[in-house]
mmCIF file of all heavy atoms, coordinates in Angstrom:
data_MODEL
# 
_entry.id   MODEL 
# 
loop_
_atom_site.group_PDB 
_atom_site.id 
_atom_site.type_symbol 
_atom_site.label_atom_id 
_atom_site.label_alt_id 
_atom_site.label_comp_id 
_atom_site.label_asym_id 
_atom_site.label_entity_id 
_atom_site.label_seq_id 
_atom_site.pdbx_PDB_ins_code 
_atom_site.Cartn_x 
_atom_site.Cartn_y 
_atom_site.Cartn_z 
_atom_site.occupancy 
_atom_site.B_iso_or_equiv 
_atom_site.pdbx_formal_charge 
_atom_site.auth_seq_id 
_atom_site.auth_comp_id 
_atom_site.auth_asym_id 
_atom_site.auth_atom_id 
_atom_site.pdbx_PDB_model_num 
ATOM 1   N N   . GLN A 1 1  ? 50.532 236.009 325.026 1.00 0.00 ? 1  GLN A N   1 
ATOM 2   C CA  . GLN A 1 1  ? 51.407 235.221 324.154 1.00 0.00 ? 1  GLN A CA  1 
ATOM 3   C C   . GLN A 1 1  ? 52.593 236.058 323.697 1.00 0.00 ? 1  GLN A C   1 
ATOM 4   O O   . GLN A 1 1  ? 53.727 235.594 323.679 1.00 0.00 ? 1  GLN A O   1 
ATOM 5   C CB  . GLN A 1 1  ? 50.625 234.718 322.942 1.00 0.00 ? 1  GLN A CB  1 
ATOM 6   C CG  . GLN A 1 1  ? 51.481 233.861 322.000 1.00 0.00 ? 1  GLN A CG  1 
ATOM 7   C CD  . GLN A 1 1  ? 50.687 233.361 320.811 1.00 0.00 ? 1  GLN A CD  1 
ATOM 8   O OE1 . GLN A 1 1  ? 49.495 233.557 320.724 1.00 0.00 ? 1  GLN A OE1 1 
ATOM 9   N NE2 . GLN A 1 1  ? 51.367 232.717 319.890 1.00 0.00 ? 1  GLN A NE2 1 
ATOM 10  N N   . THR A 1 2  ? 52.306 237.337 323.350 1.00 0.00 ? 2  THR A N   1 
ATOM 11  C CA  . THR A 1 2  ? 53.396 238.210 322.924 1.00 0.00 ? 2  THR A CA  1 
ATOM 12  C C   . THR A 1 2  ? 54.374 238.451 324.052 1.00 0.00 ? 2  THR A C   1 
ATOM 13  O O   . THR A 1 2  ? 55.585 238.501 323.858 1.00 0.00 ? 2  THR A O   1 
ATOM 14  C CB  . THR A 1 2  ? 52.826 239.551 322.419 1.00 0.00 ? 2  THR A CB  1 
ATOM 15  O OG1 . THR A 1 2  ? 51.932 239.284 321.339 1.00 0.00 ? 2  THR A OG1 1 
ATOM 16  C CG2 . THR A 1 2  ? 53.933 240.462 321.957 1.00 0.00 ? 2  THR A CG2 1 
ATOM 17  N N   . GLU A 1 3  ? 53.820 238.600 325.272 1.00 0.00 ? 3  GLU A N   1 
ATOM 18  C CA  . GLU A 1 3  ? 54.690 238.787 326.430 1.00 0.00 ? 3  GLU A CA  1 
ATOM 19  C C   . GLU A 1 3  ? 55.653 237.612 326.574 1.00 0.00 ? 3  GLU A C   1 
ATOM 20  O O   . GLU A 1 3  ? 56.821 237.759 326.915 1.00 0.00 ? 3  GLU A O   1 
ATOM 21  C CB  . GLU A 1 3  ? 53.848 238.922 327.713 1.00 0.00 ? 3  GLU A CB  1 
ATOM 22  C CG  . GLU A 1 3  ? 53.077 240.231 327.788 1.00 0.00 ? 3  GLU A CG  1 
ATOM 23  C CD  . GLU A 1 3  ? 53.955 241.403 328.173 1.00 0.00 ? 3  GLU A CD  1 
ATOM 24  O OE1 . GLU A 1 3  ? 55.178 241.228 328.310 1.00 0.00 ? 3  GLU A OE1 1 
ATOM 25  O OE2 . GLU A 1 3  ? 53.414 242.502 328.330 1.00 0.00 ? 3  GLU A OE2 1 
ATOM 26  N N   . GLN A 1 4  ? 55.129 236.407 326.308 1.00 0.00 ? 4  GLN A N   1 
ATOM 27  C CA  . GLN A 1 4  ? 55.974 235.217 326.422 1.00 0.00 ? 4  GLN A CA  1 
ATOM 28  C C   . GLN A 1 4  ? 57.014 235.194 325.304 1.00 0.00 ? 4  GLN A C   1 
ATOM 29  O O   . GLN A 1 4  ? 58.155 234.795 325.501 1.00 0.00 ? 4  GLN A O   1 
ATOM 30  C CB  . GLN A 1 4  ? 55.104 233.962 326.361 1.00 0.00 ? 4  GLN A CB  1 
ATOM 31  C CG  . GLN A 1 4  ? 54.236 233.790 327.612 1.00 0.00 ? 4  GLN A CG  1 
ATOM 32  C CD  . GLN A 1 4  ? 53.259 232.634 327.468 1.00 0.00 ? 4  GLN A CD  1 
ATOM 33  O OE1 . GLN A 1 4  ? 53.217 231.978 326.447 1.00 0.00 ? 4  GLN A OE1 1 
ATOM 34  N NE2 . GLN A 1 4  ? 52.489 232.397 328.496 1.00 0.00 ? 4  GLN A NE2 1 
ATOM 35  N N   . GLU A 1 5  ? 56.559 235.625 324.097 1.00 0.00 ? 5  GLU A N   1 
ATOM 36  C CA  . GLU A 1 5  ? 57.494 235.630 322.973 1.00 0.00 ? 5  GLU A CA  1 
ATOM 37  C C   . GLU A 1 5  ? 58.648 236.601 323.258 1.00 0.00 ? 5  GLU A C   1 
ATOM 38  O O   . GLU A 1 5  ? 59.792 236.332 322.931 1.00 0.00 ? 5  GLU A O   1 
ATOM 39  C CB  . GLU A 1 5  ? 56.757 236.035 321.699 1.00 0.00 ? 5  GLU A CB  1 
ATOM 40  C CG  . GLU A 1 5  ? 55.792 234.954 321.195 1.00 0.00 ? 5  GLU A CG  1 
ATOM 41  C CD  . GLU A 1 5  ? 54.935 235.451 320.048 1.00 0.00 ? 5  GLU A CD  1 
ATOM 42  O OE1 . GLU A 1 5  ? 55.036 236.650 319.718 1.00 0.00 ? 5  GLU A OE1 1 
ATOM 43  O OE2 . GLU A 1 5  ? 54.168 234.653 319.493 1.00 0.00 ? 5  GLU A OE2 1 
ATOM 44  N N   . ILE A 1 6  ? 58.352 237.774 323.856 1.00 0.00 ? 6  ILE A N   1 
ATOM 45  C CA  . ILE A 1 6  ? 59.391 238.732 324.238 1.00 0.00 ? 6  ILE A CA  1 
ATOM 46  C C   . ILE A 1 6  ? 59.804 238.387 325.666 1.00 0.00 ? 6  ILE A C   1 
ATOM 47  O O   . ILE A 1 6  ? 59.343 238.996 326.631 1.00 0.00 ? 6  ILE A O   1 
ATOM 48  C CB  . ILE A 1 6  ? 58.876 240.180 324.134 1.00 0.00 ? 6  ILE A CB  1 
ATOM 49  C CG1 . ILE A 1 6  ? 58.347 240.456 322.728 1.00 0.00 ? 6  ILE A CG1 1 
ATOM 50  C CG2 . ILE A 1 6  ? 59.992 241.167 324.471 1.00 0.00 ? 6  ILE A CG2 1 
ATOM 51  C CD1 . ILE A 1 6  ? 57.761 241.840 322.553 1.00 0.00 ? 6  ILE A CD1 1 
ATOM 52  N N   . LYS A 1 7  ? 60.666 237.395 325.789 1.00 0.00 ? 7  LYS A N   1 
ATOM 53  C CA  . LYS A 1 7  ? 61.048 236.896 327.112 1.00 0.00 ? 7  LYS A CA  1 
ATOM 54  C C   . LYS A 1 7  ? 61.873 237.925 327.879 1.00 0.00 ? 7  LYS A C   1 
ATOM 55  O O   . LYS A 1 7  ? 61.721 238.105 329.087 1.00 0.00 ? 7  LYS A O   1 
ATOM 56  C CB  . LYS A 1 7  ? 61.841 235.595 326.941 1.00 0.00 ? 7  LYS A CB  1 
ATOM 57  C CG  . LYS A 1 7  ? 62.175 234.897 328.245 1.00 0.00 ? 7  LYS A CG  1 
ATOM 58  C CD  . LYS A 1 7  ? 62.892 233.582 327.971 1.00 0.00 ? 7  LYS A CD  1 
ATOM 59  C CE  . LYS A 1 7  ? 63.249 232.873 329.269 1.00 0.00 ? 7  LYS A CE  1 
ATOM 60  N NZ  . LYS A 1 7  ? 63.968 231.605 329.022 1.00 0.00 ? 7  LYS A NZ  1 
ATOM 61  N N   . PHE A 1 8  ? 62.786 238.611 327.165 1.00 0.00 ? 8  PHE A N   1 
ATOM 62  C CA  . PHE A 1 8  ? 63.618 239.641 327.787 1.00 0.00 ? 8  PHE A CA  1 
ATOM 63  C C   . PHE A 1 8  ? 63.289 240.981 327.141 1.00 0.00 ? 8  PHE A C   1 
ATOM 64  O O   . PHE A 1 8  ? 63.435 241.136 325.925 1.00 0.00 ? 8  PHE A O   1 
ATOM 65  C CB  . PHE A 1 8  ? 65.098 239.295 327.634 1.00 0.00 ? 8  PHE A CB  1 
ATOM 66  C CG  . PHE A 1 8  ? 65.469 237.990 328.294 1.00 0.00 ? 8  PHE A CG  1 
ATOM 67  C CD1 . PHE A 1 8  ? 65.705 236.848 327.541 1.00 0.00 ? 8  PHE A CD1 1 
ATOM 68  C CD2 . PHE A 1 8  ? 65.554 237.900 329.680 1.00 0.00 ? 8  PHE A CD2 1 
ATOM 69  C CE1 . PHE A 1 8  ? 66.030 235.647 328.151 1.00 0.00 ? 8  PHE A CE1 1 
ATOM 70  C CE2 . PHE A 1 8  ? 65.886 236.700 330.289 1.00 0.00 ? 8  PHE A CE2 1 
ATOM 71  C CZ  . PHE A 1 8  ? 66.116 235.566 329.533 1.00 0.00 ? 8  PHE A CZ  1 
ATOM 72  N N   . GLY A 1 9  ? 62.857 241.940 327.950 1.00 0.00 ? 9  GLY A N   1 
ATOM 73  C CA  . GLY A 1 9  ? 62.213 243.136 327.421 1.00 0.00 ? 9  GLY A CA  1 
ATOM 74  C C   . GLY A 1 9  ? 63.102 244.296 327.030 1.00 0.00 ? 9  GLY A C   1 
ATOM 75  O O   . GLY A 1 9  ? 62.636 245.196 326.344 1.00 0.00 ? 9  GLY A O   1 
ATOM 76  N N   . TYR A 1 10 ? 64.364 244.309 327.474 1.00 0.00 ? 10 TYR A N   1 
ATOM 77  C CA  . TYR A 1 10 ? 65.200 245.487 327.205 1.00 0.00 ? 10 TYR A CA  1 
ATOM 78  C C   . TYR A 1 10 ? 66.379 245.124 326.308 1.00 0.00 ? 10 TYR A C   1 
ATOM 79  O O   . TYR A 1 10 ? 67.199 244.260 326.641 1.00 0.00 ? 10 TYR A O   1 
ATOM 80  C CB  . TYR A 1 10 ? 65.722 246.087 328.507 1.00 0.00 ? 10 TYR A CB  1 
ATOM 81  C CG  . TYR A 1 10 ? 64.616 246.643 329.380 1.00 0.00 ? 10 TYR A CG  1 
ATOM 82  C CD1 . TYR A 1 10 ? 64.061 245.873 330.381 1.00 0.00 ? 10 TYR A CD1 1 
ATOM 83  C CD2 . TYR A 1 10 ? 64.137 247.933 329.174 1.00 0.00 ? 10 TYR A CD2 1 
ATOM 84  C CE1 . TYR A 1 10 ? 63.032 246.363 331.173 1.00 0.00 ? 10 TYR A CE1 1 
ATOM 85  C CE2 . TYR A 1 10 ? 63.126 248.445 329.965 1.00 0.00 ? 10 TYR A CE2 1 
ATOM 86  C CZ  . TYR A 1 10 ? 62.562 247.648 330.960 1.00 0.00 ? 10 TYR A CZ  1 
ATOM 87  O OH  . TYR A 1 10 ? 61.545 248.143 331.738 1.00 0.00 ? 10 TYR A OH  1 
ATOM 88  N N   . CYS A 1 11 ? 66.433 245.815 325.166 1.00 0.00 ? 11 CYS A N   1 
ATOM 89  C CA  . CYS A 1 11 ? 67.593 245.685 324.278 1.00 0.00 ? 11 CYS A CA  1 
ATOM 90  C C   . CYS A 1 11 ? 68.664 246.628 324.805 1.00 0.00 ? 11 CYS A C   1 
ATOM 91  O O   . CYS A 1 11 ? 68.497 247.851 324.793 1.00 0.00 ? 11 CYS A O   1 
ATOM 92  C CB  . CYS A 1 11 ? 67.193 246.039 322.849 1.00 0.00 ? 11 CYS A CB  1 
ATOM 93  S SG  . CYS A 1 11 ? 68.580 246.022 321.702 1.00 0.00 ? 11 CYS A SG  1 
ATOM 94  N N   . THR A 1 12 ? 69.770 246.060 325.284 1.00 0.00 ? 12 THR A N   1 
ATOM 95  C CA  . THR A 1 12 ? 70.799 246.847 325.981 1.00 0.00 ? 12 THR A CA  1 
ATOM 96  C C   . THR A 1 12 ? 72.114 246.805 325.195 1.00 0.00 ? 12 THR A C   1 
ATOM 97  O O   . THR A 1 12 ? 72.606 245.713 324.867 1.00 0.00 ? 12 THR A O   1 
ATOM 98  C CB  . THR A 1 12 ? 71.023 246.282 327.398 1.00 0.00 ? 12 THR A CB  1 
ATOM 99  O OG1 . THR A 1 12 ? 69.763 246.234 328.072 1.00 0.00 ? 12 THR A OG1 1 
ATOM 100 C CG2 . THR A 1 12 ? 71.997 247.128 328.176 1.00 0.00 ? 12 THR A CG2 1 
ATOM 101 N N   . GLU A 1 13 ? 72.634 247.977 324.881 1.00 0.00 ? 13 GLU A N   1 
ATOM 102 C CA  . GLU A 1 13 ? 73.893 248.070 324.138 1.00 0.00 ? 13 GLU A CA  1 
ATOM 103 C C   . GLU A 1 13 ? 74.807 249.090 324.819 1.00 0.00 ? 13 GLU A C   1 
ATOM 104 O O   . GLU A 1 13 ? 74.331 250.115 325.317 1.00 0.00 ? 13 GLU A O   1 
ATOM 105 C CB  . GLU A 1 13 ? 73.639 248.509 322.696 1.00 0.00 ? 13 GLU A CB  1 
ATOM 106 C CG  . GLU A 1 13 ? 72.895 247.508 321.831 1.00 0.00 ? 13 GLU A CG  1 
ATOM 107 C CD  . GLU A 1 13 ? 72.696 248.034 320.416 1.00 0.00 ? 13 GLU A CD  1 
ATOM 108 O OE1 . GLU A 1 13 ? 72.065 249.095 320.267 1.00 0.00 ? 13 GLU A OE1 1 
ATOM 109 O OE2 . GLU A 1 13 ? 73.188 247.393 319.485 1.00 0.00 ? 13 GLU A OE2 1 
ATOM 110 N N   . PHE A 1 14 ? 76.079 248.798 324.828 1.00 0.00 ? 14 PHE A N   1 
ATOM 111 C CA  . PHE A 1 14 ? 77.066 249.770 325.331 1.00 0.00 ? 14 PHE A CA  1 
ATOM 112 C C   . PHE A 1 14 ? 78.469 249.339 324.899 1.00 0.00 ? 14 PHE A C   1 
ATOM 113 O O   . PHE A 1 14 ? 78.665 248.218 324.407 1.00 0.00 ? 14 PHE A O   1 
ATOM 114 C CB  . PHE A 1 14 ? 77.003 249.908 326.859 1.00 0.00 ? 14 PHE A CB  1 
ATOM 115 C CG  . PHE A 1 14 ? 77.052 248.607 327.612 1.00 0.00 ? 14 PHE A CG  1 
ATOM 116 C CD1 . PHE A 1 14 ? 78.262 247.959 327.844 1.00 0.00 ? 14 PHE A CD1 1 
ATOM 117 C CD2 . PHE A 1 14 ? 75.880 248.046 328.104 1.00 0.00 ? 14 PHE A CD2 1 
ATOM 118 C CE1 . PHE A 1 14 ? 78.302 246.775 328.540 1.00 0.00 ? 14 PHE A CE1 1 
ATOM 119 C CE2 . PHE A 1 14 ? 75.925 246.850 328.806 1.00 0.00 ? 14 PHE A CE2 1 
ATOM 120 C CZ  . PHE A 1 14 ? 77.131 246.215 329.036 1.00 0.00 ? 14 PHE A CZ  1 
ATOM 121 N N   . ILE A 1 15 ? 79.403 250.264 325.092 1.00 0.00 ? 15 ILE A N   1 
ATOM 122 C CA  . ILE A 1 15 ? 80.817 249.979 324.812 1.00 0.00 ? 15 ILE A CA  1 
ATOM 123 C C   . ILE A 1 15 ? 81.595 250.102 326.121 1.00 0.00 ? 15 ILE A C   1 
ATOM 124 O O   . ILE A 1 15 ? 81.400 251.063 326.877 1.00 0.00 ? 15 ILE A O   1 
ATOM 125 C CB  . ILE A 1 15 ? 81.392 250.958 323.771 1.00 0.00 ? 15 ILE A CB  1 
ATOM 126 C CG1 . ILE A 1 15 ? 80.739 250.684 322.400 1.00 0.00 ? 15 ILE A CG1 1 
ATOM 127 C CG2 . ILE A 1 15 ? 82.911 250.838 323.667 1.00 0.00 ? 15 ILE A CG2 1 
ATOM 128 C CD1 . ILE A 1 15 ? 81.139 251.693 321.335 1.00 0.00 ? 15 ILE A CD1 1 
ATOM 129 N N   . ILE A 1 16 ? 82.433 249.103 326.387 1.00 0.00 ? 16 ILE A N   1 
ATOM 130 C CA  . ILE A 1 16 ? 83.314 249.162 327.569 1.00 0.00 ? 16 ILE A CA  1 
ATOM 131 C C   . ILE A 1 16 ? 84.681 249.663 327.110 1.00 0.00 ? 16 ILE A C   1 
ATOM 132 O O   . ILE A 1 16 ? 85.307 249.046 326.224 1.00 0.00 ? 16 ILE A O   1 
ATOM 133 C CB  . ILE A 1 16 ? 83.481 247.781 328.228 1.00 0.00 ? 16 ILE A CB  1 
ATOM 134 C CG1 . ILE A 1 16 ? 82.116 247.127 328.509 1.00 0.00 ? 16 ILE A CG1 1 
ATOM 135 C CG2 . ILE A 1 16 ? 84.290 247.895 329.514 1.00 0.00 ? 16 ILE A CG2 1 
ATOM 136 C CD1 . ILE A 1 16 ? 82.237 245.687 329.008 1.00 0.00 ? 16 ILE A CD1 1 
ATOM 137 N N   . VAL A 1 17 ? 85.106 250.773 327.688 1.00 0.00 ? 17 VAL A N   1 
ATOM 138 C CA  . VAL A 1 17 ? 86.483 251.243 327.458 1.00 0.00 ? 17 VAL A CA  1 
ATOM 139 C C   . VAL A 1 17 ? 87.332 250.537 328.515 1.00 0.00 ? 17 VAL A C   1 
ATOM 140 O O   . VAL A 1 17 ? 87.280 250.865 329.695 1.00 0.00 ? 17 VAL A O   1 
ATOM 141 C CB  . VAL A 1 17 ? 86.586 252.769 327.586 1.00 0.00 ? 17 VAL A CB  1 
ATOM 142 C CG1 . VAL A 1 17 ? 88.019 253.207 327.335 1.00 0.00 ? 17 VAL A CG1 1 
ATOM 143 C CG2 . VAL A 1 17 ? 85.623 253.452 326.618 1.00 0.00 ? 17 VAL A CG2 1 
ATOM 144 N N   . LEU A 1 18 ? 88.059 249.532 328.068 1.00 0.00 ? 18 LEU A N   1 
ATOM 145 C CA  . LEU A 1 18 ? 88.711 248.604 328.995 1.00 0.00 ? 18 LEU A CA  1 
ATOM 146 C C   . LEU A 1 18 ? 89.866 249.246 329.780 1.00 0.00 ? 18 LEU A C   1 
ATOM 147 O O   . LEU A 1 18 ? 90.666 250.010 329.222 1.00 0.00 ? 18 LEU A O   1 
ATOM 148 C CB  . LEU A 1 18 ? 89.246 247.395 328.232 1.00 0.00 ? 18 LEU A CB  1 
ATOM 149 C CG  . LEU A 1 18 ? 88.181 246.546 327.531 1.00 0.00 ? 18 LEU A CG  1 
ATOM 150 C CD1 . LEU A 1 18 ? 88.857 245.519 326.629 1.00 0.00 ? 18 LEU A CD1 1 
ATOM 151 C CD2 . LEU A 1 18 ? 87.279 245.850 328.543 1.00 0.00 ? 18 LEU A CD2 1 
ATOM 152 N N   . ASN A 1 19 ? 89.923 248.881 331.059 1.00 0.00 ? 19 ASN A N   1 
ATOM 153 C CA  . ASN A 1 19 ? 91.099 249.253 331.861 1.00 0.00 ? 19 ASN A CA  1 
ATOM 154 C C   . ASN A 1 19 ? 92.294 248.424 331.438 1.00 0.00 ? 19 ASN A C   1 
ATOM 155 O O   . ASN A 1 19 ? 93.416 248.918 331.353 1.00 0.00 ? 19 ASN A O   1 
ATOM 156 C CB  . ASN A 1 19 ? 90.828 249.044 333.350 1.00 0.00 ? 19 ASN A CB  1 
ATOM 157 C CG  . ASN A 1 19 ? 89.741 249.977 333.858 1.00 0.00 ? 19 ASN A CG  1 
ATOM 158 O OD1 . ASN A 1 19 ? 89.600 251.088 333.355 1.00 0.00 ? 19 ASN A OD1 1 
ATOM 159 N ND2 . ASN A 1 19 ? 88.993 249.536 334.854 1.00 0.00 ? 19 ASN A ND2 1 
ATOM 160 N N   . ASN A 1 20 ? 92.029 247.147 331.161 1.00 0.00 ? 20 ASN A N   1 
ATOM 161 C CA  . ASN A 1 20 ? 93.042 246.202 330.707 1.00 0.00 ? 20 ASN A CA  1 
ATOM 162 C C   . ASN A 1 20 ? 92.397 245.273 329.684 1.00 0.00 ? 20 ASN A C   1 
ATOM 163 O O   . ASN A 1 20 ? 91.190 244.996 329.758 1.00 0.00 ? 20 ASN A O   1 
ATOM 164 C CB  . ASN A 1 20 ? 93.580 245.364 331.870 1.00 0.00 ? 20 ASN A CB  1 
ATOM 165 C CG  . ASN A 1 20 ? 94.253 246.205 332.933 1.00 0.00 ? 20 ASN A CG  1 
ATOM 166 O OD1 . ASN A 1 20 ? 95.301 246.814 332.669 1.00 0.00 ? 20 ASN A OD1 1 
ATOM 167 N ND2 . ASN A 1 20 ? 93.666 246.255 334.113 1.00 0.00 ? 20 ASN A ND2 1 
ATOM 168 N N   . PRO A 1 21 ? 93.162 244.768 328.750 1.00 0.00 ? 21 PRO A N   1 
ATOM 169 C CA  . PRO A 1 21 ? 92.592 243.824 327.793 1.00 0.00 ? 21 PRO A CA  1 
ATOM 170 C C   . PRO A 1 21 ? 91.974 242.624 328.523 1.00 0.00 ? 21 PRO A C   1 
ATOM 171 O O   . PRO A 1 21 ? 92.500 242.159 329.537 1.00 0.00 ? 21 PRO A O   1 
ATOM 172 C CB  . PRO A 1 21 ? 93.799 243.413 326.945 1.00 0.00 ? 21 PRO A CB  1 
ATOM 173 C CG  . PRO A 1 21 ? 94.776 244.527 327.090 1.00 0.00 ? 21 PRO A CG  1 
ATOM 174 C CD  . PRO A 1 21 ? 94.593 245.034 328.488 1.00 0.00 ? 21 PRO A CD  1 
ATOM 175 N N   . LEU A 1 22 ? 90.823 242.138 327.970 1.00 0.00 ? 22 LEU A N   1 
ATOM 176 C CA  . LEU A 1 22 ? 90.180 240.970 328.579 1.00 0.00 ? 22 LEU A CA  1 
ATOM 177 C C   . LEU A 1 22 ? 90.925 239.711 328.190 1.00 0.00 ? 22 LEU A C   1 
ATOM 178 O O   . LEU A 1 22 ? 91.272 239.512 327.013 1.00 0.00 ? 22 LEU A O   1 
ATOM 179 C CB  . LEU A 1 22 ? 88.732 240.852 328.095 1.00 0.00 ? 22 LEU A CB  1 
ATOM 180 C CG  . LEU A 1 22 ? 87.722 241.903 328.581 1.00 0.00 ? 22 LEU A CG  1 
ATOM 181 C CD1 . LEU A 1 22 ? 86.346 241.610 327.980 1.00 0.00 ? 22 LEU A CD1 1 
ATOM 182 C CD2 . LEU A 1 22 ? 87.633 241.914 330.094 1.00 0.00 ? 22 LEU A CD2 1 
ATOM 183 N N   . SER A 1 23 ? 91.174 238.864 329.159 1.00 0.00 ? 23 SER A N   1 
ATOM 184 C CA  . SER A 1 23 ? 91.740 237.549 328.841 1.00 0.00 ? 23 SER A CA  1 
ATOM 185 C C   . SER A 1 23 ? 90.631 236.683 328.238 1.00 0.00 ? 23 SER A C   1 
ATOM 186 O O   . SER A 1 23 ? 89.436 236.996 328.337 1.00 0.00 ? 23 SER A O   1 
ATOM 187 C CB  . SER A 1 23 ? 92.297 236.891 330.101 1.00 0.00 ? 23 SER A CB  1 
ATOM 188 O OG  . SER A 1 23 ? 91.234 236.551 330.984 1.00 0.00 ? 23 SER A OG  1 
ATOM 189 N N   . GLU A 1 24 ? 91.028 235.592 327.624 1.00 0.00 ? 24 GLU A N   1 
ATOM 190 C CA  . GLU A 1 24 ? 90.053 234.686 327.022 1.00 0.00 ? 24 GLU A CA  1 
ATOM 191 C C   . GLU A 1 24 ? 89.069 234.184 328.079 1.00 0.00 ? 24 GLU A C   1 
ATOM 192 O O   . GLU A 1 24 ? 87.859 234.082 327.834 1.00 0.00 ? 24 GLU A O   1 
ATOM 193 C CB  . GLU A 1 24 ? 90.784 233.512 326.368 1.00 0.00 ? 24 GLU A CB  1 
ATOM 194 C CG  . GLU A 1 24 ? 89.870 232.586 325.585 1.00 0.00 ? 24 GLU A CG  1 
ATOM 195 C CD  . GLU A 1 24 ? 90.654 231.501 324.848 1.00 0.00 ? 24 GLU A CD  1 
ATOM 196 O OE1 . GLU A 1 24 ? 91.832 231.732 324.519 1.00 0.00 ? 24 GLU A OE1 1 
ATOM 197 O OE2 . GLU A 1 24 ? 90.073 230.433 324.629 1.00 0.00 ? 24 GLU A OE2 1 
ATOM 198 N N   . GLN A 1 25 ? 89.582 233.876 329.275 1.00 0.00 ? 25 GLN A N   1 
ATOM 199 C CA  . GLN A 1 25 ? 88.729 233.363 330.344 1.00 0.00 ? 25 GLN A CA  1 
ATOM 200 C C   . GLN A 1 25 ? 87.771 234.435 330.849 1.00 0.00 ? 25 GLN A C   1 
ATOM 201 O O   . GLN A 1 25 ? 86.586 234.169 331.103 1.00 0.00 ? 25 GLN A O   1 
ATOM 202 C CB  . GLN A 1 25 ? 89.582 232.859 331.514 1.00 0.00 ? 25 GLN A CB  1 
ATOM 203 C CG  . GLN A 1 25 ? 88.782 232.137 332.600 1.00 0.00 ? 25 GLN A CG  1 
ATOM 204 C CD  . GLN A 1 25 ? 88.059 230.915 332.060 1.00 0.00 ? 25 GLN A CD  1 
ATOM 205 O OE1 . GLN A 1 25 ? 88.662 230.089 331.366 1.00 0.00 ? 25 GLN A OE1 1 
ATOM 206 N NE2 . GLN A 1 25 ? 86.755 230.815 332.355 1.00 0.00 ? 25 GLN A NE2 1 
ATOM 207 N N   . GLU A 1 26 ? 88.273 235.689 330.967 1.00 0.00 ? 26 GLU A N   1 
ATOM 208 C CA  . GLU A 1 26 ? 87.403 236.787 331.414 1.00 0.00 ? 26 GLU A CA  1 
ATOM 209 C C   . GLU A 1 26 ? 86.277 237.037 330.411 1.00 0.00 ? 26 GLU A C   1 
ATOM 210 O O   . GLU A 1 26 ? 85.124 237.293 330.799 1.00 0.00 ? 26 GLU A O   1 
ATOM 211 C CB  . GLU A 1 26 ? 88.243 238.061 331.595 1.00 0.00 ? 26 GLU A CB  1 
ATOM 212 C CG  . GLU A 1 26 ? 89.088 238.076 332.846 1.00 0.00 ? 26 GLU A CG  1 
ATOM 213 C CD  . GLU A 1 26 ? 89.950 239.317 332.937 1.00 0.00 ? 26 GLU A CD  1 
ATOM 214 O OE1 . GLU A 1 26 ? 90.471 239.748 331.880 1.00 0.00 ? 26 GLU A OE1 1 
ATOM 215 O OE2 . GLU A 1 26 ? 90.109 239.838 334.063 1.00 0.00 ? 26 GLU A OE2 1 
# 
């Protein structure tokens, strides 16, 4: 049941140093 409750197992965080600003669509 706990396995089902934790549907996605990895908490992933990072920062992207952008080459170019992201457009709204991107």
